[in-house]
Amino acid sequence: MTALLLTAVFLVIGAILLFNRNGFMAITDIQDDIHGVEMENETLITEIDSLHRIIYLLENDSVYMEKRVREILGWGRQGETVIKFMEPDTE
C-alpha cells in the first residue's frame, strides 16, 4: 500500500513538473521562442549592416551613387542601350 501511494505521489509531482505553466514543457517552449527571436535578430542585424554600407556608399562614392540613380530611373549614358525588364502579369 505504501509503495502504491509513493508511486502515485511521484506520478502527480512528475505531471506537475512537466505540465504546469512553469514546468519543463513550458520552459522548453520558451527556449524555442527565444531561439527563434535570436535568429530573427541576427538576420535583422545583418540587414542593418548592409543598409549602413549602402548609406555609406551613397554618401561617399559618387560612382556608386550615379550607378544606383541610373538603375532606379532607368537612365543610360550617351551611347548606352538601356534594357528594361517588365514584371509578368500575375492575373
C-alpha atoms as a PDB file:
ATOM      1  CA  MET A   1       0.000   0.000   0.000  1.00  0.00           C
ATOM      2  CA  THR A   2       2.839   2.414   0.856  1.00  0.00           C
ATOM      3  CA  ALA A   3       4.649   1.658  -2.406  1.00  0.00           C
ATOM      4  CA  LEU A   4       1.459   2.352  -4.352  1.00  0.00           C
ATOM      5  CA  LEU A   5       0.941   5.642  -2.505  1.00  0.00           C
ATOM      6  CA  LEU A   6       4.567   6.703  -3.125  1.00  0.00           C
ATOM      7  CA  THR A   7       4.241   5.836  -6.816  1.00  0.00           C
ATOM      8  CA  ALA A   8       1.057   7.888  -7.082  1.00  0.00           C
ATOM      9  CA  VAL A   9       2.688  10.855  -5.336  1.00  0.00           C
ATOM     10  CA  PHE A  10       5.717  10.695  -7.671  1.00  0.00           C
ATOM     11  CA  LEU A  11       3.441  10.499 -10.699  1.00  0.00           C
ATOM     12  CA  VAL A  12       1.476  13.545  -9.570  1.00  0.00           C
ATOM     13  CA  ILE A  13       4.638  15.516  -8.812  1.00  0.00           C
ATOM     14  CA  GLY A  14       6.104  14.479 -12.172  1.00  0.00           C
ATOM     15  CA  ALA A  15       2.958  15.583 -14.023  1.00  0.00           C
ATOM     16  CA  ILE A  16       3.005  18.910 -12.197  1.00  0.00           C
ATOM     17  CA  LEU A  17       6.679  19.456 -13.054  1.00  0.00           C
ATOM     18  CA  LEU A  18       6.060  18.636 -16.701  1.00  0.00           C
ATOM     19  CA  PHE A  19       2.743  20.273 -17.479  1.00  0.00           C
ATOM     20  CA  ASN A  20       2.135  23.275 -15.210  1.00  0.00           C
ATOM     21  CA  ARG A  21       2.662  26.756 -16.677  1.00  0.00           C
ATOM     22  CA  ASN A  22       6.182  26.944 -15.180  1.00  0.00           C
ATOM     23  CA  GLY A  23       7.041  23.323 -15.898  1.00  0.00           C
ATOM     24  CA  PHE A  24       9.631  21.733 -18.122  1.00  0.00           C
ATOM     25  CA  MET A  25       7.362  21.760 -21.194  1.00  0.00           C
ATOM     26  CA  ALA A  26       6.682  25.484 -20.810  1.00  0.00           C
ATOM     27  CA  ILE A  27      10.370  26.195 -20.335  1.00  0.00           C
ATOM     28  CA  THR A  28      11.202  24.246 -23.499  1.00  0.00           C
ATOM     29  CA  ASP A  29       8.591  26.231 -25.456  1.00  0.00           C
ATOM     30  CA  ILE A  30      10.014  29.493 -24.119  1.00  0.00           C
ATOM     31  CA  GLN A  31      13.551  28.430 -25.039  1.00  0.00           C
ATOM     32  CA  ASP A  32      12.353  27.643 -28.587  1.00  0.00           C
ATOM     33  CA  ASP A  33      10.744  31.092 -28.790  1.00  0.00           C
ATOM     34  CA  ILE A  34      13.959  32.721 -27.562  1.00  0.00           C
ATOM     35  CA  HIS A  35      15.980  30.841 -30.168  1.00  0.00           C
ATOM     36  CA  GLY A  36      13.591  31.989 -32.917  1.00  0.00           C
ATOM     37  CA  VAL A  37      13.821  35.617 -31.790  1.00  0.00           C
ATOM     38  CA  GLU A  38      17.631  35.403 -31.614  1.00  0.00           C
ATOM     39  CA  MET A  39      17.752  34.062 -35.190  1.00  0.00           C
ATOM     40  CA  GLU A  40      15.448  36.847 -36.388  1.00  0.00           C
ATOM     41  CA  ASN A  41      17.600  39.379 -34.520  1.00  0.00           C
ATOM     42  CA  GLU A  42      20.756  38.121 -36.274  1.00  0.00           C
ATOM     43  CA  THR A  43      19.016  38.413 -39.644  1.00  0.00           C
ATOM     44  CA  LEU A  44      17.947  41.984 -38.869  1.00  0.00           C
ATOM     45  CA  ILE A  45      21.452  42.923 -37.693  1.00  0.00           C
ATOM     46  CA  THR A  46      22.860  41.631 -40.991  1.00  0.00           C
ATOM     47  CA  GLU A  47      20.267  43.627 -42.929  1.00  0.00           C
ATOM     48  CA  ILE A  48      21.035  46.773 -40.910  1.00  0.00           C
ATOM     49  CA  ASP A  49      24.763  46.342 -41.591  1.00  0.00           C
ATOM     50  CA  SER A  50      24.042  46.013 -45.297  1.00  0.00           C
ATOM     51  CA  LEU A  51      21.896  49.150 -45.257  1.00  0.00           C
ATOM     52  CA  HIS A  52      24.610  51.066 -43.373  1.00  0.00           C
ATOM     53  CA  ARG A  53      27.077  50.066 -46.091  1.00  0.00           C
ATOM     54  CA  ILE A  54      24.710  51.298 -48.807  1.00  0.00           C
ATOM     55  CA  ILE A  55      24.231  54.593 -46.939  1.00  0.00           C
ATOM     56  CA  TYR A  56      27.995  54.985 -46.616  1.00  0.00           C
ATOM     57  CA  LEU A  57      28.497  54.320 -50.332  1.00  0.00           C
ATOM     58  CA  LEU A  58      25.729  56.742 -51.313  1.00  0.00           C
ATOM     59  CA  GLU A  59      27.250  59.461 -49.148  1.00  0.00           C
ATOM     60  CA  ASN A  60      30.890  58.897 -50.118  1.00  0.00           C
ATOM     61  CA  ASP A  61      31.114  57.175 -53.507  1.00  0.00           C
ATOM     62  CA  SER A  62      29.849  59.272 -56.400  1.00  0.00           C
ATOM     63  CA  VAL A  63      30.336  56.419 -58.892  1.00  0.00           C
ATOM     64  CA  TYR A  64      28.145  54.128 -56.792  1.00  0.00           C
ATOM     65  CA  MET A  65      25.544  56.875 -56.386  1.00  0.00           C
ATOM     66  CA  GLU A  66      25.454  57.502 -60.137  1.00  0.00           C
ATOM     67  CA  LYS A  67      25.103  53.781 -60.818  1.00  0.00           C
ATOM     68  CA  ARG A  68      22.186  53.457 -58.362  1.00  0.00           C
ATOM     69  CA  VAL A  69      20.402  56.544 -59.714  1.00  0.00           C
ATOM     70  CA  ARG A  70      20.751  55.305 -63.290  1.00  0.00           C
ATOM     71  CA  GLU A  71      19.436  51.855 -62.270  1.00  0.00           C
ATOM     72  CA  ILE A  72      16.462  53.297 -60.387  1.00  0.00           C
ATOM     73  CA  LEU A  73      15.483  55.834 -63.054  1.00  0.00           C
ATOM     74  CA  GLY A  74      16.347  53.621 -65.991  1.00  0.00           C
ATOM     75  CA  TRP A  75      18.730  56.173 -67.442  1.00  0.00           C
ATOM     76  CA  GLY A  76      21.789  55.437 -69.508  1.00  0.00           C
ATOM     77  CA  ARG A  77      24.844  57.321 -70.552  1.00  0.00           C
ATOM     78  CA  GLN A  78      25.208  58.553 -74.082  1.00  0.00           C
ATOM     79  CA  GLY A  79      25.868  55.578 -76.333  1.00  0.00           C
ATOM     80  CA  GLU A  80      24.481  53.032 -73.841  1.00  0.00           C
ATOM     81  CA  THR A  81      21.395  50.961 -74.530  1.00  0.00           C
ATOM     82  CA  VAL A  82      19.046  50.644 -71.567  1.00  0.00           C
ATOM     83  CA  ILE A  83      17.113  47.389 -71.378  1.00  0.00           C
ATOM     84  CA  LYS A  84      14.135  47.335 -69.036  1.00  0.00           C
ATOM     85  CA  PHE A  85      12.666  44.071 -67.864  1.00  0.00           C
ATOM     86  CA  MET A  86       8.962  44.096 -67.133  1.00  0.00           C
ATOM     87  CA  GLU A  87       7.330  42.076 -64.385  1.00  0.00           C
ATOM     88  CA  PRO A  88       4.943  39.493 -65.870  1.00  0.00           C
ATOM     89  CA  ASP A  89       1.249  39.967 -65.209  1.00  0.00           C
ATOM     90  CA  THR A  90       0.063  37.678 -62.456  1.00  0.00           C
ATOM     91  CA  GLU A  91      -3.570  37.822 -63.498  1.00  0.00           C
END
